[in-house]
Amino acid sequence: MITVFFDDKCGLCSKEIAHYKKIASDEFEWIPISTDKGRLKRYGIETVDALKLLHVVDHSGVVHQGVDSFFVIWRHLRRWRWFAAIVSLPLIHQILRKLYTTFAEWRFRRLSHCRALIDN
């Protein structure tokens, strides 16, 4: 089972996950962060970290975060495997990691439910 923790209060995040759900097999478990914080803690993931970056737990129990989480998802989606192979190439991976992290930080600062965690 691949467990995907996603920010269900983020419109963009929810739309992307909804797309993956439509095309994914039963090997995925989709966990909305706002309703299941206990599962995050079991894997040692803080809520604020899960809201900042996508987190995935693979078949072996290894936690992946950020752009690496997408690679895990894409490798297990039939029509996305080729894309996962290309973007996993070292230079592309490095660029995507930087781009995703920059975007994720911007998104986190912008969304009120995320800002509330750091304002308290």
PDB file of N, CA and C in Angstrom:
ATOM      1  N   MET A   1       0.833  -1.181   0.000  1.00  0.00           N
ATOM      2  CA  MET A   1       0.000   0.000   0.000  1.00  0.00           C
ATOM      3  C   MET A   1       0.880   1.247   0.000  1.00  0.00           C
ATOM      4  N   ILE A   2       0.541   2.193  -0.824  1.00  0.00           N
ATOM      5  CA  ILE A   2       1.209   3.491  -0.863  1.00  0.00           C
ATOM      6  C   ILE A   2       0.257   4.495  -0.217  1.00  0.00           C
ATOM      7  N   THR A   3       0.733   5.161   0.821  1.00  0.00           N
ATOM      8  CA  THR A   3      -0.086   6.124   1.547  1.00  0.00           C
ATOM      9  C   THR A   3       0.322   7.528   1.134  1.00  0.00           C
ATOM     10  N   VAL A   4      -0.655   8.306   0.709  1.00  0.00           N
ATOM     11  CA  VAL A   4      -0.415   9.673   0.252  1.00  0.00           C
ATOM     12  C   VAL A   4      -1.131  10.631   1.201  1.00  0.00           C
ATOM     13  N   PHE A   5      -0.361  11.500   1.851  1.00  0.00           N
ATOM     14  CA  PHE A   5      -0.916  12.534   2.720  1.00  0.00           C
ATOM     15  C   PHE A   5      -0.986  13.827   1.915  1.00  0.00           C
ATOM     16  N   PHE A   6      -2.187  14.393   1.790  1.00  0.00           N
ATOM     17  CA  PHE A   6      -2.321  15.598   0.978  1.00  0.00           C
ATOM     18  C   PHE A   6      -3.141  16.664   1.697  1.00  0.00           C
ATOM     19  N   ASP A   7      -2.901  17.908   1.318  1.00  0.00           N
ATOM     20  CA  ASP A   7      -3.593  19.057   1.895  1.00  0.00           C
ATOM     21  C   ASP A   7      -4.949  19.196   1.212  1.00  0.00           C
ATOM     22  N   ASP A   8      -5.971  18.665   1.854  1.00  0.00           N
ATOM     23  CA  ASP A   8      -7.312  18.667   1.280  1.00  0.00           C
ATOM     24  C   ASP A   8      -7.995  20.037   1.342  1.00  0.00           C
ATOM     25  N   LYS A   9      -7.382  21.000   2.026  1.00  0.00           N
ATOM     26  CA  LYS A   9      -7.937  22.357   2.068  1.00  0.00           C
ATOM     27  C   LYS A   9      -7.344  23.242   0.975  1.00  0.00           C
ATOM     28  N   CYS A  10      -6.413  22.713   0.235  1.00  0.00           N
ATOM     29  CA  CYS A  10      -5.789  23.422  -0.885  1.00  0.00           C
ATOM     30  C   CYS A  10      -6.510  22.987  -2.162  1.00  0.00           C
ATOM     31  N   GLY A  11      -7.109  23.949  -2.865  1.00  0.00           N
ATOM     32  CA  GLY A  11      -7.853  23.624  -4.078  1.00  0.00           C
ATOM     33  C   GLY A  11      -7.013  22.942  -5.141  1.00  0.00           C
ATOM     34  N   LEU A  12      -5.831  23.470  -5.399  1.00  0.00           N
ATOM     35  CA  LEU A  12      -4.938  22.886  -6.399  1.00  0.00           C
ATOM     36  C   LEU A  12      -4.541  21.463  -6.011  1.00  0.00           C
ATOM     37  N   CYS A  13      -4.171  21.288  -4.745  1.00  0.00           N
ATOM     38  CA  CYS A  13      -3.749  19.967  -4.259  1.00  0.00           C
ATOM     39  C   CYS A  13      -4.887  18.956  -4.404  1.00  0.00           C
ATOM     40  N   SER A  14      -6.083  19.358  -3.991  1.00  0.00           N
ATOM     41  CA  SER A  14      -7.239  18.461  -4.049  1.00  0.00           C
ATOM     42  C   SER A  14      -7.585  18.070  -5.479  1.00  0.00           C
ATOM     43  N   LYS A  15      -7.477  19.026  -6.406  1.00  0.00           N
ATOM     44  CA  LYS A  15      -7.759  18.721  -7.816  1.00  0.00           C
ATOM     45  C   LYS A  15      -6.755  17.721  -8.373  1.00  0.00           C
ATOM     46  N   GLU A  16      -5.493  17.921  -8.043  1.00  0.00           N
ATOM     47  CA  GLU A  16      -4.472  17.001  -8.547  1.00  0.00           C
ATOM     48  C   GLU A  16      -4.676  15.601  -7.978  1.00  0.00           C
ATOM     49  N   ILE A  17      -4.935  15.512  -6.682  1.00  0.00           N
ATOM     50  CA  ILE A  17      -5.154  14.211  -6.052  1.00  0.00           C
ATOM     51  C   ILE A  17      -6.414  13.556  -6.616  1.00  0.00           C
ATOM     52  N   ALA A  18      -7.462  14.336  -6.875  1.00  0.00           N
ATOM     53  CA  ALA A  18      -8.689  13.786  -7.469  1.00  0.00           C
ATOM     54  C   ALA A  18      -8.384  13.153  -8.823  1.00  0.00           C
ATOM     55  N   HIS A  19      -7.520  13.790  -9.596  1.00  0.00           N
ATOM     56  CA  HIS A  19      -7.118  13.225 -10.891  1.00  0.00           C
ATOM     57  C   HIS A  19      -6.399  11.892 -10.687  1.00  0.00           C
ATOM     58  N   TYR A  20      -5.448  11.867  -9.766  1.00  0.00           N
ATOM     59  CA  TYR A  20      -4.713  10.627  -9.510  1.00  0.00           C
ATOM     60  C   TYR A  20      -5.645   9.521  -9.024  1.00  0.00           C
ATOM     61  N   LYS A  21      -6.593   9.867  -8.167  1.00  0.00           N
ATOM     62  CA  LYS A  21      -7.539   8.869  -7.646  1.00  0.00           C
ATOM     63  C   LYS A  21      -8.309   8.199  -8.778  1.00  0.00           C
ATOM     64  N   LYS A  22      -8.673   8.982  -9.789  1.00  0.00           N
ATOM     65  CA  LYS A  22      -9.445   8.444 -10.913  1.00  0.00           C
ATOM     66  C   LYS A  22      -8.660   7.408 -11.703  1.00  0.00           C
ATOM     67  N   ILE A  23      -7.360   7.590 -11.792  1.00  0.00           N
ATOM     68  CA  ILE A  23      -6.564   6.715 -12.652  1.00  0.00           C
ATOM     69  C   ILE A  23      -5.718   5.709 -11.872  1.00  0.00           C
ATOM     70  N   ALA A  24      -5.729   5.804 -10.550  1.00  0.00           N
ATOM     71  CA  ALA A  24      -4.860   4.955  -9.722  1.00  0.00           C
ATOM     72  C   ALA A  24      -5.501   3.607  -9.420  1.00  0.00           C
ATOM     73  N   SER A  25      -4.638   2.670  -9.101  1.00  0.00           N
ATOM     74  CA  SER A  25      -5.096   1.347  -8.679  1.00  0.00           C
ATOM     75  C   SER A  25      -5.430   1.386  -7.190  1.00  0.00           C
ATOM     76  N   ASP A  26      -5.841   0.239  -6.687  1.00  0.00           N
ATOM     77  CA  ASP A  26      -6.195   0.130  -5.268  1.00  0.00           C
ATOM     78  C   ASP A  26      -4.980   0.094  -4.352  1.00  0.00           C
ATOM     79  N   GLU A  27      -3.779   0.195  -4.898  1.00  0.00           N
ATOM     80  CA  GLU A  27      -2.591   0.153  -4.046  1.00  0.00           C
ATOM     81  C   GLU A  27      -2.340   1.478  -3.338  1.00  0.00           C
ATOM     82  N   PHE A  28      -3.166   2.491  -3.621  1.00  0.00           N
ATOM     83  CA  PHE A  28      -3.014   3.799  -2.991  1.00  0.00           C
ATOM     84  C   PHE A  28      -4.041   3.997  -1.886  1.00  0.00           C
ATOM     85  N   GLU A  29      -3.602   4.681  -0.847  1.00  0.00           N
ATOM     86  CA  GLU A  29      -4.496   5.148   0.206  1.00  0.00           C
ATOM     87  C   GLU A  29      -4.297   6.659   0.283  1.00  0.00           C
ATOM     88  N   TRP A  30      -5.363   7.401   0.120  1.00  0.00           N
ATOM     89  CA  TRP A  30      -5.307   8.859   0.049  1.00  0.00           C
ATOM     90  C   TRP A  30      -5.795   9.422   1.378  1.00  0.00           C
ATOM     91  N   ILE A  31      -4.918  10.090   2.110  1.00  0.00           N
ATOM     92  CA  ILE A  31      -5.234  10.572   3.454  1.00  0.00           C
ATOM     93  C   ILE A  31      -5.274  12.101   3.473  1.00  0.00           C
ATOM     94  N   PRO A  32      -6.465  12.688   3.687  1.00  0.00           N
ATOM     95  CA  PRO A  32      -6.549  14.140   3.818  1.00  0.00           C
ATOM     96  C   PRO A  32      -5.954  14.571   5.158  1.00  0.00           C
ATOM     97  N   ILE A  33      -5.051  15.517   5.127  1.00  0.00           N
ATOM     98  CA  ILE A  33      -4.346  15.941   6.337  1.00  0.00           C
ATOM     99  C   ILE A  33      -5.301  16.507   7.383  1.00  0.00           C
ATOM    100  N   SER A  34      -6.309  17.246   6.946  1.00  0.00           N
ATOM    101  CA  SER A  34      -7.184  17.926   7.911  1.00  0.00           C
ATOM    102  C   SER A  34      -8.019  16.959   8.743  1.00  0.00           C
ATOM    103  N   THR A  35      -8.210  15.752   8.259  1.00  0.00           N
ATOM    104  CA  THR A  35      -9.083  14.819   8.979  1.00  0.00           C
ATOM    105  C   THR A  35      -8.357  13.643   9.618  1.00  0.00           C
ATOM    106  N   ASP A  36      -7.067  13.502   9.379  1.00  0.00           N
ATOM    107  CA  ASP A  36      -6.369  12.322   9.906  1.00  0.00           C
ATOM    108  C   ASP A  36      -4.940  12.652  10.327  1.00  0.00           C
ATOM    109  N   LYS A  37      -4.803  13.495  11.336  1.00  0.00           N
ATOM    110  CA  LYS A  37      -3.472  13.890  11.813  1.00  0.00           C
ATOM    111  C   LYS A  37      -2.781  12.771  12.587  1.00  0.00           C
ATOM    112  N   GLY A  38      -3.556  11.842  13.126  1.00  0.00           N
ATOM    113  CA  GLY A  38      -2.976  10.724  13.873  1.00  0.00           C
ATOM    114  C   GLY A  38      -2.073   9.861  13.014  1.00  0.00           C
ATOM    115  N   ARG A  39      -2.461   9.657  11.778  1.00  0.00           N
ATOM    116  CA  ARG A  39      -1.648   8.851  10.862  1.00  0.00           C
ATOM    117  C   ARG A  39      -0.314   9.528  10.588  1.00  0.00           C
ATOM    118  N   LEU A  40      -0.328  10.844  10.474  1.00  0.00           N
ATOM    119  CA  LEU A  40       0.921  11.578  10.260  1.00  0.00           C
ATOM    120  C   LEU A  40       1.895  11.297  11.392  1.00  0.00           C
ATOM    121  N   LYS A  41       1.402  11.392  12.608  1.00  0.00           N
ATOM    122  CA  LYS A  41       2.258  11.208  13.789  1.00  0.00           C
ATOM    123  C   LYS A  41       2.857   9.805  13.827  1.00  0.00           C
ATOM    124  N   ARG A  42       2.087   8.810  13.383  1.00  0.00           N
ATOM    125  CA  ARG A  42       2.608   7.430  13.363  1.00  0.00           C
ATOM    126  C   ARG A  42       3.855   7.303  12.497  1.00  0.00           C
ATOM    127  N   TYR A  43       3.939   8.137  11.492  1.00  0.00           N
ATOM    128  CA  TYR A  43       5.105   8.105  10.603  1.00  0.00           C
ATOM    129  C   TYR A  43       6.122   9.183  10.953  1.00  0.00           C
ATOM    130  N   GLY A  44       5.892   9.896  12.053  1.00  0.00           N
ATOM    131  CA  GLY A  44       6.830  10.930  12.479  1.00  0.00           C
ATOM    132  C   GLY A  44       6.779  12.190  11.635  1.00  0.00           C
ATOM    133  N   ILE A  45       5.637  12.435  11.011  1.00  0.00           N
ATOM    134  CA  ILE A  45       5.472  13.614  10.155  1.00  0.00           C
ATOM    135  C   ILE A  45       4.668  14.662  10.924  1.00  0.00           C
ATOM    136  N   GLU A  46       5.225  15.849  11.041  1.00  0.00           N
ATOM    137  CA  GLU A  46       4.514  16.954  11.691  1.00  0.00           C
ATOM    138  C   GLU A  46       3.491  17.545  10.717  1.00  0.00           C
ATOM    139  N   THR A  47       2.359  17.991  11.249  1.00  0.00           N
ATOM    140  CA  THR A  47       1.306  18.564  10.408  1.00  0.00           C
ATOM    141  C   THR A  47       1.827  19.713   9.558  1.00  0.00           C
ATOM    142  N   VAL A  48       2.588  20.599  10.155  1.00  0.00           N
ATOM    143  CA  VAL A  48       3.106  21.755   9.412  1.00  0.00           C
ATOM    144  C   VAL A  48       4.003  21.305   8.252  1.00  0.00           C
ATOM    145  N   ASP A  49       4.783  20.257   8.458  1.00  0.00           N
ATOM    146  CA  ASP A  49       5.637  19.736   7.381  1.00  0.00           C
ATOM    147  C   ASP A  49       4.794  19.110   6.270  1.00  0.00           C
ATOM    148  N   ALA A  50       3.725  18.419   6.659  1.00  0.00           N
ATOM    149  CA  ALA A  50       2.841  17.794   5.674  1.00  0.00           C
ATOM    150  C   ALA A  50       2.100  18.843   4.851  1.00  0.00           C
ATOM    151  N   LEU A  51       1.806  19.978   5.478  1.00  0.00           N
ATOM    152  CA  LEU A  51       1.154  21.058   4.740  1.00  0.00           C
ATOM    153  C   LEU A  51       2.125  21.778   3.817  1.00  0.00           C
ATOM    154  N   LYS A  52       3.386  21.781   4.172  1.00  0.00           N
ATOM    155  CA  LYS A  52       4.394  22.443   3.337  1.00  0.00           C
ATOM    156  C   LYS A  52       4.725  21.626   2.097  1.00  0.00           C
ATOM    157  N   LEU A  53       4.858  20.312   2.267  1.00  0.00           N
ATOM    158  CA  LEU A  53       5.274  19.434   1.171  1.00  0.00           C
ATOM    159  C   LEU A  53       4.422  18.172   1.150  1.00  0.00           C
ATOM    160  N   LEU A  54       4.153  17.666  -0.035  1.00  0.00           N
ATOM    161  CA  LEU A  54       3.457  16.394  -0.168  1.00  0.00           C
ATOM    162  C   LEU A  54       4.301  15.297   0.468  1.00  0.00           C
ATOM    163  N   HIS A  55       3.653  14.377   1.184  1.00  0.00           N
ATOM    164  CA  HIS A  55       4.345  13.245   1.808  1.00  0.00           C
ATOM    165  C   HIS A  55       3.696  11.940   1.355  1.00  0.00           C
ATOM    166  N   VAL A  56       4.533  10.956   1.063  1.00  0.00           N
ATOM    167  CA  VAL A  56       4.087   9.635   0.640  1.00  0.00           C
ATOM    168  C   VAL A  56       4.877   8.591   1.415  1.00  0.00           C
ATOM    169  N   VAL A  57       4.181   7.541   1.848  1.00  0.00           N
ATOM    170  CA  VAL A  57       4.842   6.394   2.466  1.00  0.00           C
ATOM    171  C   VAL A  57       4.718   5.245   1.476  1.00  0.00           C
ATOM    172  N   ASP A  58       5.859   4.707   1.050  1.00  0.00           N
ATOM    173  CA  ASP A  58       5.845   3.662   0.024  1.00  0.00           C
ATOM    174  C   ASP A  58       5.576   2.281   0.617  1.00  0.00           C
ATOM    175  N   HIS A  59       5.587   1.259  -0.247  1.00  0.00           N
ATOM    176  CA  HIS A  59       5.318  -0.126   0.164  1.00  0.00           C
ATOM    177  C   HIS A  59       6.229  -0.600   1.289  1.00  0.00           C
ATOM    178  N   SER A  60       7.441  -0.089   1.338  1.00  0.00           N
ATOM    179  CA  SER A  60       8.424  -0.522   2.340  1.00  0.00           C
ATOM    180  C   SER A  60       8.342   0.276   3.632  1.00  0.00           C
ATOM    181  N   GLY A  61       7.455   1.265   3.687  1.00  0.00           N
ATOM    182  CA  GLY A  61       7.336   2.096   4.876  1.00  0.00           C
ATOM    183  C   GLY A  61       8.268   3.289   4.886  1.00  0.00           C
ATOM    184  N   VAL A  62       8.939   3.533   3.764  1.00  0.00           N
ATOM    185  CA  VAL A  62       9.852   4.669   3.652  1.00  0.00           C
ATOM    186  C   VAL A  62       9.030   5.928   3.355  1.00  0.00           C
ATOM    187  N   VAL A  63       9.307   7.004   4.096  1.00  0.00           N
ATOM    188  CA  VAL A  63       8.610   8.274   3.902  1.00  0.00           C
ATOM    189  C   VAL A  63       9.361   9.111   2.863  1.00  0.00           C
ATOM    190  N   HIS A  64       8.631   9.568   1.863  1.00  0.00           N
ATOM    191  CA  HIS A  64       9.169  10.453   0.828  1.00  0.00           C
ATOM    192  C   HIS A  64       8.452  11.786   0.959  1.00  0.00           C
ATOM    193  N   GLN A  65       9.156  12.860   0.647  1.00  0.00           N
ATOM    194  CA  GLN A  65       8.516  14.170   0.719  1.00  0.00           C
ATOM    195  C   GLN A  65       8.877  15.020  -0.481  1.00  0.00           C
ATOM    196  N   GLY A  66       8.049  16.033  -0.699  1.00  0.00           N
ATOM    197  CA  GLY A  66       8.297  16.943  -1.803  1.00  0.00           C
ATOM    198  C   GLY A  66       8.172  16.267  -3.149  1.00  0.00           C
ATOM    199  N   VAL A  67       9.012  16.682  -4.070  1.00  0.00           N
ATOM    200  CA  VAL A  67       8.941  16.179  -5.437  1.00  0.00           C
ATOM    201  C   VAL A  67       9.171  14.663  -5.487  1.00  0.00           C
ATOM    202  N   ASP A  68       9.928  14.120  -4.547  1.00  0.00           N
ATOM    203  CA  ASP A  68      10.148  12.669  -4.507  1.00  0.00           C
ATOM    204  C   ASP A  68       8.846  11.912  -4.253  1.00  0.00           C
ATOM    205  N   SER A  69       7.902  12.553  -3.571  1.00  0.00           N
ATOM    206  CA  SER A  69       6.587  11.940  -3.357  1.00  0.00           C
ATOM    207  C   SER A  69       5.858  11.755  -4.679  1.00  0.00           C
ATOM    208  N   PHE A  70       5.954  12.760  -5.529  1.00  0.00           N
ATOM    209  CA  PHE A  70       5.317  12.653  -6.841  1.00  0.00           C
ATOM    210  C   PHE A  70       5.935  11.520  -7.652  1.00  0.00           C
ATOM    211  N   PHE A  71       7.245  11.357  -7.555  1.00  0.00           N
ATOM    212  CA  PHE A  71       7.900  10.280  -8.296  1.00  0.00           C
ATOM    213  C   PHE A  71       7.356   8.921  -7.875  1.00  0.00           C
ATOM    214  N   VAL A  72       7.133   8.740  -6.583  1.00  0.00           N
ATOM    215  CA  VAL A  72       6.571   7.476  -6.088  1.00  0.00           C
ATOM    216  C   VAL A  72       5.177   7.275  -6.683  1.00  0.00           C
ATOM    217  N   ILE A  73       4.367   8.311  -6.651  1.00  0.00           N
ATOM    218  CA  ILE A  73       3.010   8.211  -7.204  1.00  0.00           C
ATOM    219  C   ILE A  73       3.074   7.906  -8.696  1.00  0.00           C
ATOM    220  N   TRP A  74       3.828   8.701  -9.434  1.00  0.00           N
ATOM    221  CA  TRP A  74       3.874   8.552 -10.887  1.00  0.00           C
ATOM    222  C   TRP A  74       4.400   7.187 -11.317  1.00  0.00           C
ATOM    223  N   ARG A  75       5.348   6.636 -10.578  1.00  0.00           N
ATOM    224  CA  ARG A  75       5.891   5.315 -10.933  1.00  0.00           C
ATOM    225  C   ARG A  75       4.829   4.221 -10.856  1.00  0.00           C
ATOM    226  N   HIS A  76       3.755   4.480 -10.130  1.00  0.00           N
ATOM    227  CA  HIS A  76       2.710   3.476  -9.944  1.00  0.00           C
ATOM    228  C   HIS A  76       1.419   3.812 -10.690  1.00  0.00           C
ATOM    229  N   LEU A  77       1.474   4.815 -11.548  1.00  0.00           N
ATOM    230  CA  LEU A  77       0.337   5.155 -12.402  1.00  0.00           C
ATOM    231  C   LEU A  77       0.704   4.777 -13.832  1.00  0.00           C
ATOM    232  N   ARG A  78      -0.083   3.910 -14.413  1.00  0.00           N
ATOM    233  CA  ARG A  78       0.252   3.297 -15.697  1.00  0.00           C
ATOM    234  C   ARG A  78       0.726   4.299 -16.753  1.00  0.00           C
ATOM    235  N   ARG A  79      -0.003   5.333 -16.987  1.00  0.00           N
ATOM    236  CA  ARG A  79       0.365   6.265 -18.058  1.00  0.00           C
ATOM    237  C   ARG A  79       1.381   7.322 -17.630  1.00  0.00           C
ATOM    238  N   TRP A  80       1.798   7.305 -16.393  1.00  0.00           N
ATOM    239  CA  TRP A  80       2.750   8.291 -15.880  1.00  0.00           C
ATOM    240  C   TRP A  80       4.140   7.702 -15.667  1.00  0.00           C
ATOM    241  N   ARG A  81       4.304   6.402 -15.824  1.00  0.00           N
ATOM    242  CA  ARG A  81       5.602   5.761 -15.545  1.00  0.00           C
ATOM    243  C   ARG A  81       6.728   6.335 -16.394  1.00  0.00           C
ATOM    244  N   TRP A  82       6.457   6.570 -17.663  1.00  0.00           N
ATOM    245  CA  TRP A  82       7.486   7.131 -18.549  1.00  0.00           C
ATOM    246  C   TRP A  82       7.907   8.516 -18.063  1.00  0.00           C
ATOM    247  N   PHE A  83       6.936   9.307 -17.595  1.00  0.00           N
ATOM    248  CA  PHE A  83       7.240  10.647 -17.096  1.00  0.00           C
ATOM    249  C   PHE A  83       8.097  10.562 -15.840  1.00  0.00           C
ATOM    250  N   ALA A  84       7.758   9.632 -14.957  1.00  0.00           N
ATOM    251  CA  ALA A  84       8.542   9.434 -13.729  1.00  0.00           C
ATOM    252  C   ALA A  84       9.987   9.085 -14.068  1.00  0.00           C
ATOM    253  N   ALA A  85      10.176   8.260 -15.085  1.00  0.00           N
ATOM    254  CA  ALA A  85      11.531   7.868 -15.480  1.00  0.00           C
ATOM    255  C   ALA A  85      12.333   9.072 -15.982  1.00  0.00           C
ATOM    256  N   ILE A  86      11.690   9.918 -16.762  1.00  0.00           N
ATOM    257  CA  ILE A  86      12.385  11.092 -17.309  1.00  0.00           C
ATOM    258  C   ILE A  86      12.727  12.095 -16.214  1.00  0.00           C
ATOM    259  N   VAL A  87      11.749  12.426 -15.373  1.00  0.00           N
ATOM    260  CA  VAL A  87      11.990  13.457 -14.359  1.00  0.00           C
ATOM    261  C   VAL A  87      12.862  12.966 -13.215  1.00  0.00           C
ATOM    262  N   SER A  88      13.105  11.673 -13.159  1.00  0.00           N
ATOM    263  CA  SER A  88      14.008  11.129 -12.140  1.00  0.00           C
ATOM    264  C   SER A  88      15.476  11.239 -12.547  1.00  0.00           C
ATOM    265  N   LEU A  89      15.738  11.620 -13.787  1.00  0.00           N
ATOM    266  CA  LEU A  89      17.123  11.804 -14.219  1.00  0.00           C
ATOM    267  C   LEU A  89      17.766  12.891 -13.359  1.00  0.00           C
ATOM    268  N   PRO A  90      19.026  12.709 -12.970  1.00  0.00           N
ATOM    269  CA  PRO A  90      19.655  13.581 -11.966  1.00  0.00           C
ATOM    270  C   PRO A  90      19.489  15.088 -12.162  1.00  0.00           C
ATOM    271  N   LEU A  91      19.804  15.612 -13.327  1.00  0.00           N
ATOM    272  CA  LEU A  91      19.724  17.058 -13.524  1.00  0.00           C
ATOM    273  C   LEU A  91      18.272  17.542 -13.462  1.00  0.00           C
ATOM    274  N   ILE A  92      17.386  16.821 -14.131  1.00  0.00           N
ATOM    275  CA  ILE A  92      15.964  17.195 -14.119  1.00  0.00           C
ATOM    276  C   ILE A  92      15.411  17.095 -12.702  1.00  0.00           C
ATOM    277  N   HIS A  93      15.778  16.034 -11.998  1.00  0.00           N
ATOM    278  CA  HIS A  93      15.329  15.842 -10.616  1.00  0.00           C
ATOM    279  C   HIS A  93      15.755  17.018  -9.743  1.00  0.00           C
ATOM    280  N   GLN A  94      16.987  17.431  -9.874  1.00  0.00           N
ATOM    281  CA  GLN A  94      17.516  18.540  -9.079  1.00  0.00           C
ATOM    282  C   GLN A  94      16.749  19.840  -9.372  1.00  0.00           C
ATOM    283  N   ILE A  95      16.485  20.102 -10.633  1.00  0.00           N
ATOM    284  CA  ILE A  95      15.752  21.309 -11.019  1.00  0.00           C
ATOM    285  C   ILE A  95      14.318  21.253 -10.491  1.00  0.00           C
ATOM    286  N   LEU A  96      13.663  20.108 -10.678  1.00  0.00           N
ATOM    287  CA  LEU A  96      12.285  19.972 -10.208  1.00  0.00           C
ATOM    288  C   LEU A  96      12.186  20.079  -8.691  1.00  0.00           C
ATOM    289  N   ARG A  97      13.161  19.539  -7.990  1.00  0.00           N
ATOM    290  CA  ARG A  97      13.164  19.631  -6.527  1.00  0.00           C
ATOM    291  C   ARG A  97      13.190  21.099  -6.095  1.00  0.00           C
ATOM    292  N   LYS A  98      14.039  21.892  -6.727  1.00  0.00           N
ATOM    293  CA  LYS A  98      14.136  23.317  -6.392  1.00  0.00           C
ATOM    294  C   LYS A  98      12.846  24.047  -6.753  1.00  0.00           C
ATOM    295  N   LEU A  99      12.316  23.784  -7.939  1.00  0.00           N
ATOM    296  CA  LEU A  99      11.077  24.435  -8.366  1.00  0.00           C
ATOM    297  C   LEU A  99       9.910  24.080  -7.448  1.00  0.00           C
ATOM    298  N   TYR A 100       9.770  22.787  -7.133  1.00  0.00           N
ATOM    299  CA  TYR A 100       8.666  22.361  -6.269  1.00  0.00           C
ATOM    300  C   TYR A 100       8.794  22.971  -4.882  1.00  0.00           C
ATOM    301  N   THR A 101       9.987  22.966  -4.319  1.00  0.00           N
ATOM    302  CA  THR A 101      10.193  23.519  -2.980  1.00  0.00           C
ATOM    303  C   THR A 101       9.864  25.010  -2.957  1.00  0.00           C
ATOM    304  N   THR A 102      10.290  25.737  -3.972  1.00  0.00           N
ATOM    305  CA  THR A 102       9.991  27.169  -4.062  1.00  0.00           C
ATOM    306  C   THR A 102       8.485  27.396  -4.156  1.00  0.00           C
ATOM    307  N   PHE A 103       7.820  26.632  -5.027  1.00  0.00           N
ATOM    308  CA  PHE A 103       6.367  26.754  -5.163  1.00  0.00           C
ATOM    309  C   PHE A 103       5.664  26.381  -3.861  1.00  0.00           C
ATOM    310  N   ALA A 104       6.080  25.294  -3.239  1.00  0.00           N
ATOM    311  CA  ALA A 104       5.434  24.820  -2.008  1.00  0.00           C
ATOM    312  C   ALA A 104       5.562  25.842  -0.885  1.00  0.00           C
ATOM    313  N   GLU A 105       6.711  26.483  -0.782  1.00  0.00           N
ATOM    314  CA  GLU A 105       6.896  27.523   0.242  1.00  0.00           C
ATOM    315  C   GLU A 105       5.974  28.708  -0.027  1.00  0.00           C
ATOM    316  N   TRP A 106       5.867  29.114  -1.282  1.00  0.00           N
ATOM    317  CA  TRP A 106       4.975  30.205  -1.660  1.00  0.00           C
ATOM    318  C   TRP A 106       3.520  29.845  -1.348  1.00  0.00           C
ATOM    319  N   ARG A 107       3.117  28.632  -1.718  1.00  0.00           N
ATOM    320  CA  ARG A 107       1.745  28.168  -1.476  1.00  0.00           C
ATOM    321  C   ARG A 107       1.440  28.147   0.014  1.00  0.00           C
ATOM    322  N   PHE A 108       2.368  27.663   0.816  1.00  0.00           N
ATOM    323  CA  PHE A 108       2.181  27.571   2.265  1.00  0.00           C
ATOM    324  C   PHE A 108       1.976  28.962   2.872  1.00  0.00           C
ATOM    325  N   ARG A 109       2.780  29.927   2.461  1.00  0.00           N
ATOM    326  CA  ARG A 109       2.660  31.293   3.000  1.00  0.00           C
ATOM    327  C   ARG A 109       1.357  31.963   2.572  1.00  0.00           C
ATOM    328  N   ARG A 110       0.828  31.550   1.463  1.00  0.00           N
ATOM    329  CA  ARG A 110      -0.341  32.169   0.866  1.00  0.00           C
ATOM    330  C   ARG A 110      -1.667  31.664   1.444  1.00  0.00           C
ATOM    331  N   LEU A 111      -1.751  30.408   1.865  1.00  0.00           N
ATOM    332  CA  LEU A 111      -3.010  29.813   2.310  1.00  0.00           C
ATOM    333  C   LEU A 111      -3.256  30.079   3.790  1.00  0.00           C
ATOM    334  N   SER A 112      -4.444  30.550   4.099  1.00  0.00           N
ATOM    335  CA  SER A 112      -4.753  30.953   5.478  1.00  0.00           C
ATOM    336  C   SER A 112      -4.668  29.800   6.467  1.00  0.00           C
ATOM    337  N   HIS A 113      -5.102  28.606   6.090  1.00  0.00           N
ATOM    338  CA  HIS A 113      -5.044  27.483   7.039  1.00  0.00           C
ATOM    339  C   HIS A 113      -3.602  27.064   7.321  1.00  0.00           C
ATOM    340  N   CYS A 114      -2.698  27.357   6.423  1.00  0.00           N
ATOM    341  CA  CYS A 114      -1.272  27.088   6.660  1.00  0.00           C
ATOM    342  C   CYS A 114      -0.657  28.199   7.509  1.00  0.00           C
ATOM    343  N   ARG A 115      -0.956  29.433   7.146  1.00  0.00           N
ATOM    344  CA  ARG A 115      -0.428  30.572   7.914  1.00  0.00           C
ATOM    345  C   ARG A 115      -0.858  30.509   9.370  1.00  0.00           C
ATOM    346  N   ALA A 116      -2.062  30.023   9.632  1.00  0.00           N
ATOM    347  CA  ALA A 116      -2.572  29.949  11.006  1.00  0.00           C
ATOM    348  C   ALA A 116      -1.665  29.097  11.886  1.00  0.00           C
ATOM    349  N   LEU A 117      -1.035  28.090  11.311  1.00  0.00           N
ATOM    350  CA  LEU A 117      -0.142  27.222  12.090  1.00  0.00           C
ATOM    351  C   LEU A 117       1.121  27.942  12.525  1.00  0.00           C
ATOM    352  N   ILE A 118       1.622  28.835  11.701  1.00  0.00           N
ATOM    353  CA  ILE A 118       2.861  29.524  12.065  1.00  0.00           C
ATOM    354  C   ILE A 118       2.602  30.832  12.805  1.00  0.00           C
ATOM    355  N   ASP A 119       1.377  31.357  12.700  1.00  0.00           N
ATOM    356  CA  ASP A 119       1.035  32.591  13.407  1.00  0.00           C
ATOM    357  C   ASP A 119       0.747  32.349  14.884  1.00  0.00           C
ATOM    358  N   ASN A 120       0.438  31.110  15.231  1.00  0.00           N
ATOM    359  CA  ASN A 120       0.119  30.786  16.640  1.00  0.00           C
ATOM    360  C   ASN A 120       1.355  30.616  17.470  1.00  0.00           C
TER     361      ASN A 120
END
